[in-house]
Amino acid sequence: MARRVLVVDDERMIVKGIRYSLEQDGMEVDCAYDGEEALTLARTNTYDIIMLDVMLPKLDGFQVCQQVREFSRVPIVMLTAKGDDMDKIMGLEY
């Protein structure tokens, strides 16, 4: 059975590249381009992992992560170009 992944990023070219790579490895991939869309998909589907950008429109990645944790223990990989230590701490905290 194929692993199911949710990829969340507002940069469509980044999503396209990640999606292509994951599908080449035999995974099923759903994509969201903002925080609200990500939450809707996470609530209505079962994922083996969520790849989540920190900087998103509507709800940021930290908010999405917090809300997903209210109903799921799915592993979440936070994607970010930010290197600030506080951002790293917040990501691990959520």
N, C-alpha and C. Protein backbone atom coordinates (compact mmCIF):
# COMPACT_ATOMS: atom_id res chain seq x y z
N MET A 1 0.85 -1.18 0.00
CA MET A 1 0.00 0.00 0.00
C MET A 1 0.90 1.25 0.00
N ALA A 2 0.54 2.21 -0.82
CA ALA A 2 1.32 3.43 -0.95
C ALA A 2 1.14 4.32 0.28
N ARG A 3 2.19 4.98 0.66
CA ARG A 3 2.14 5.98 1.73
C ARG A 3 1.44 7.22 1.20
N ARG A 4 0.70 7.88 2.08
CA ARG A 4 -0.03 9.09 1.68
C ARG A 4 0.57 10.30 2.39
N VAL A 5 0.89 11.33 1.59
CA VAL A 5 1.57 12.51 2.09
C VAL A 5 0.76 13.75 1.74
N LEU A 6 0.70 14.69 2.69
CA LEU A 6 0.14 16.01 2.42
C LEU A 6 1.29 17.00 2.36
N VAL A 7 1.43 17.69 1.24
CA VAL A 7 2.47 18.70 1.05
C VAL A 7 1.78 20.06 1.07
N VAL A 8 2.27 20.95 1.95
CA VAL A 8 1.64 22.27 2.11
C VAL A 8 2.70 23.36 1.94
N ASP A 9 2.52 24.17 0.89
CA ASP A 9 3.40 25.30 0.64
C ASP A 9 2.68 26.23 -0.33
N ASP A 10 2.85 27.52 -0.18
CA ASP A 10 2.19 28.46 -1.08
C ASP A 10 2.98 28.68 -2.37
N GLU A 11 4.19 28.18 -2.43
CA GLU A 11 5.01 28.28 -3.65
C GLU A 11 4.73 27.05 -4.52
N ARG A 12 3.96 27.26 -5.58
CA ARG A 12 3.51 26.14 -6.40
C ARG A 12 4.66 25.36 -7.06
N MET A 13 5.74 26.02 -7.41
CA MET A 13 6.88 25.32 -8.02
C MET A 13 7.56 24.40 -7.01
N ILE A 14 7.63 24.83 -5.77
CA ILE A 14 8.20 23.98 -4.71
C ILE A 14 7.32 22.75 -4.52
N VAL A 15 6.01 22.96 -4.46
CA VAL A 15 5.08 21.85 -4.30
C VAL A 15 5.20 20.88 -5.47
N LYS A 16 5.28 21.44 -6.67
CA LYS A 16 5.40 20.60 -7.87
C LYS A 16 6.63 19.69 -7.80
N GLY A 17 7.77 20.26 -7.38
CA GLY A 17 9.00 19.47 -7.28
C GLY A 17 8.93 18.40 -6.21
N ILE A 18 8.41 18.76 -5.05
CA ILE A 18 8.28 17.79 -3.96
C ILE A 18 7.31 16.68 -4.37
N ARG A 19 6.17 17.09 -4.94
CA ARG A 19 5.17 16.11 -5.37
C ARG A 19 5.76 15.12 -6.36
N TYR A 20 6.48 15.63 -7.36
CA TYR A 20 7.08 14.77 -8.37
C TYR A 20 8.03 13.75 -7.73
N SER A 21 8.88 14.22 -6.83
CA SER A 21 9.84 13.32 -6.18
C SER A 21 9.14 12.24 -5.36
N LEU A 22 8.14 12.64 -4.60
CA LEU A 22 7.41 11.67 -3.77
C LEU A 22 6.64 10.66 -4.62
N GLU A 23 6.02 11.13 -5.69
CA GLU A 23 5.28 10.21 -6.57
C GLU A 23 6.23 9.24 -7.26
N GLN A 24 7.45 9.68 -7.57
CA GLN A 24 8.44 8.79 -8.17
C GLN A 24 8.82 7.67 -7.22
N ASP A 25 8.68 7.93 -5.92
CA ASP A 25 8.95 6.91 -4.91
C ASP A 25 7.70 6.11 -4.55
N GLY A 26 6.62 6.29 -5.34
CA GLY A 26 5.42 5.48 -5.17
C GLY A 26 4.44 5.98 -4.12
N MET A 27 4.58 7.22 -3.68
CA MET A 27 3.68 7.76 -2.67
C MET A 27 2.49 8.47 -3.31
N GLU A 28 1.38 8.47 -2.59
CA GLU A 28 0.21 9.24 -2.98
C GLU A 28 0.35 10.62 -2.34
N VAL A 29 0.17 11.68 -3.13
CA VAL A 29 0.43 13.02 -2.65
C VAL A 29 -0.79 13.92 -2.85
N ASP A 30 -1.22 14.57 -1.77
CA ASP A 30 -2.20 15.64 -1.84
C ASP A 30 -1.46 16.94 -1.57
N CYS A 31 -1.95 18.03 -2.15
CA CYS A 31 -1.28 19.32 -2.00
C CYS A 31 -2.26 20.38 -1.52
N ALA A 32 -1.76 21.28 -0.68
CA ALA A 32 -2.51 22.44 -0.23
C ALA A 32 -1.60 23.65 -0.36
N TYR A 33 -2.23 24.81 -0.61
CA TYR A 33 -1.46 26.02 -0.88
C TYR A 33 -1.68 27.12 0.14
N ASP A 34 -2.48 26.84 1.17
CA ASP A 34 -2.64 27.77 2.29
C ASP A 34 -3.04 26.98 3.53
N GLY A 35 -3.00 27.65 4.68
CA GLY A 35 -3.24 26.96 5.93
C GLY A 35 -4.65 26.41 6.08
N GLU A 36 -5.64 27.14 5.60
CA GLU A 36 -7.03 26.67 5.72
C GLU A 36 -7.26 25.42 4.88
N GLU A 37 -6.73 25.42 3.67
CA GLU A 37 -6.87 24.25 2.79
C GLU A 37 -6.17 23.04 3.41
N ALA A 38 -5.01 23.27 4.02
CA ALA A 38 -4.27 22.19 4.67
C ALA A 38 -5.09 21.56 5.80
N LEU A 39 -5.70 22.41 6.63
CA LEU A 39 -6.52 21.89 7.73
C LEU A 39 -7.71 21.09 7.23
N THR A 40 -8.35 21.58 6.20
CA THR A 40 -9.49 20.85 5.63
C THR A 40 -9.07 19.47 5.16
N LEU A 41 -7.97 19.40 4.43
CA LEU A 41 -7.48 18.10 3.95
C LEU A 41 -7.06 17.20 5.10
N ALA A 42 -6.38 17.76 6.10
CA ALA A 42 -5.92 16.96 7.24
C ALA A 42 -7.09 16.39 8.05
N ARG A 43 -8.19 17.14 8.10
CA ARG A 43 -9.37 16.66 8.84
C ARG A 43 -10.15 15.59 8.08
N THR A 44 -10.10 15.63 6.77
CA THR A 44 -10.94 14.73 5.98
C THR A 44 -10.20 13.53 5.40
N ASN A 45 -8.90 13.48 5.54
CA ASN A 45 -8.10 12.37 5.00
C ASN A 45 -7.13 11.85 6.06
N THR A 46 -6.61 10.67 5.80
CA THR A 46 -5.60 10.09 6.68
C THR A 46 -4.25 10.14 5.95
N TYR A 47 -3.26 10.71 6.62
CA TYR A 47 -1.92 10.85 6.03
C TYR A 47 -0.89 10.13 6.89
N ASP A 48 0.16 9.67 6.23
CA ASP A 48 1.28 9.06 6.94
C ASP A 48 2.25 10.13 7.41
N ILE A 49 2.26 11.27 6.71
CA ILE A 49 3.12 12.39 7.09
C ILE A 49 2.59 13.67 6.43
N ILE A 50 2.83 14.80 7.09
CA ILE A 50 2.50 16.10 6.53
C ILE A 50 3.79 16.90 6.42
N MET A 51 4.05 17.43 5.23
CA MET A 51 5.18 18.33 5.01
C MET A 51 4.60 19.74 4.95
N LEU A 52 4.96 20.57 5.93
CA LEU A 52 4.26 21.82 6.17
C LEU A 52 5.20 23.02 6.19
N ASP A 53 4.97 23.96 5.28
CA ASP A 53 5.75 25.19 5.25
C ASP A 53 5.33 26.07 6.43
N VAL A 54 6.24 26.83 6.96
CA VAL A 54 5.93 27.72 8.09
C VAL A 54 5.19 28.97 7.61
N MET A 55 5.65 29.56 6.52
CA MET A 55 5.06 30.82 6.05
C MET A 55 4.00 30.54 5.00
N LEU A 56 2.73 30.59 5.44
CA LEU A 56 1.58 30.32 4.57
C LEU A 56 0.56 31.44 4.67
N PRO A 57 -0.24 31.63 3.61
CA PRO A 57 -1.35 32.57 3.73
C PRO A 57 -2.49 31.97 4.57
N LYS A 58 -3.33 32.83 5.08
CA LYS A 58 -4.53 32.53 5.86
C LYS A 58 -4.20 32.04 7.26
N LEU A 59 -3.55 30.91 7.41
CA LEU A 59 -3.03 30.41 8.70
C LEU A 59 -1.58 30.03 8.48
N ASP A 60 -0.67 30.43 9.37
CA ASP A 60 0.72 30.03 9.17
C ASP A 60 0.92 28.57 9.59
N GLY A 61 2.08 28.05 9.26
CA GLY A 61 2.37 26.65 9.54
C GLY A 61 2.31 26.29 11.02
N PHE A 62 2.69 27.23 11.90
CA PHE A 62 2.61 26.95 13.34
C PHE A 62 1.16 26.80 13.78
N GLN A 63 0.28 27.65 13.26
CA GLN A 63 -1.14 27.55 13.60
C GLN A 63 -1.74 26.25 13.07
N VAL A 64 -1.38 25.89 11.85
CA VAL A 64 -1.87 24.64 11.26
C VAL A 64 -1.40 23.46 12.11
N CYS A 65 -0.13 23.45 12.46
CA CYS A 65 0.43 22.37 13.27
C CYS A 65 -0.32 22.24 14.60
N GLN A 66 -0.53 23.35 15.28
CA GLN A 66 -1.26 23.32 16.56
C GLN A 66 -2.65 22.74 16.39
N GLN A 67 -3.36 23.15 15.35
CA GLN A 67 -4.72 22.67 15.17
C GLN A 67 -4.76 21.21 14.74
N VAL A 68 -3.81 20.77 13.93
CA VAL A 68 -3.74 19.35 13.56
C VAL A 68 -3.50 18.50 14.80
N ARG A 69 -2.67 18.99 15.72
CA ARG A 69 -2.37 18.24 16.94
C ARG A 69 -3.60 18.05 17.83
N GLU A 70 -4.63 18.83 17.63
CA GLU A 70 -5.86 18.67 18.40
C GLU A 70 -6.63 17.41 18.01
N PHE A 71 -6.38 16.87 16.80
CA PHE A 71 -7.12 15.69 16.35
C PHE A 71 -6.26 14.58 15.75
N SER A 72 -4.94 14.79 15.65
CA SER A 72 -4.10 13.79 15.01
C SER A 72 -2.68 13.80 15.57
N ARG A 73 -2.05 12.63 15.53
CA ARG A 73 -0.64 12.48 15.93
C ARG A 73 0.25 12.22 14.71
N VAL A 74 -0.25 12.52 13.51
CA VAL A 74 0.52 12.32 12.29
C VAL A 74 1.85 13.07 12.39
N PRO A 75 2.94 12.44 11.94
CA PRO A 75 4.22 13.16 11.93
C PRO A 75 4.15 14.37 11.00
N ILE A 76 4.73 15.48 11.45
CA ILE A 76 4.75 16.71 10.66
C ILE A 76 6.20 17.17 10.51
N VAL A 77 6.60 17.38 9.26
CA VAL A 77 7.92 17.92 8.96
C VAL A 77 7.70 19.38 8.59
N MET A 78 8.31 20.27 9.37
CA MET A 78 8.18 21.71 9.11
C MET A 78 9.23 22.13 8.09
N LEU A 79 8.78 22.78 7.02
CA LEU A 79 9.67 23.30 5.98
C LEU A 79 9.79 24.80 6.16
N THR A 80 11.01 25.29 6.17
CA THR A 80 11.18 26.73 6.34
C THR A 80 12.54 27.19 5.83
N ALA A 81 12.55 28.41 5.34
CA ALA A 81 13.80 29.06 4.99
C ALA A 81 14.30 29.89 6.15
N LYS A 82 13.47 29.99 7.19
CA LYS A 82 13.84 30.78 8.36
C LYS A 82 14.87 30.01 9.19
N GLY A 83 15.88 30.71 9.69
CA GLY A 83 16.92 30.05 10.45
C GLY A 83 16.99 30.51 11.89
N ASP A 84 16.06 31.35 12.29
CA ASP A 84 16.05 31.89 13.64
C ASP A 84 15.85 30.78 14.66
N ASP A 85 16.63 30.79 15.74
CA ASP A 85 16.52 29.75 16.77
C ASP A 85 15.12 29.70 17.38
N MET A 86 14.49 30.87 17.56
CA MET A 86 13.15 30.90 18.14
C MET A 86 12.14 30.18 17.26
N ASP A 87 12.27 30.31 15.94
CA ASP A 87 11.39 29.61 15.02
C ASP A 87 11.59 28.09 15.14
N LYS A 88 12.82 27.67 15.30
CA LYS A 88 13.09 26.24 15.46
C LYS A 88 12.49 25.72 16.76
N ILE A 89 12.63 26.47 17.80
CA ILE A 89 12.06 26.08 19.11
C ILE A 89 10.55 26.00 19.03
N MET A 90 9.93 27.01 18.38
CA MET A 90 8.46 27.00 18.25
C MET A 90 8.00 25.79 17.45
N GLY A 91 8.69 25.46 16.37
CA GLY A 91 8.33 24.29 15.56
C GLY A 91 8.40 23.01 16.35
N LEU A 92 9.44 22.84 17.14
CA LEU A 92 9.56 21.64 17.97
C LEU A 92 8.52 21.60 19.06
N GLU A 93 8.19 22.76 19.63
CA GLU A 93 7.19 22.85 20.68
C GLU A 93 5.82 22.39 20.19
N TYR A 94 5.43 22.84 18.98
CA TYR A 94 4.11 22.49 18.45
C TYR A 94 4.06 21.06 18.03
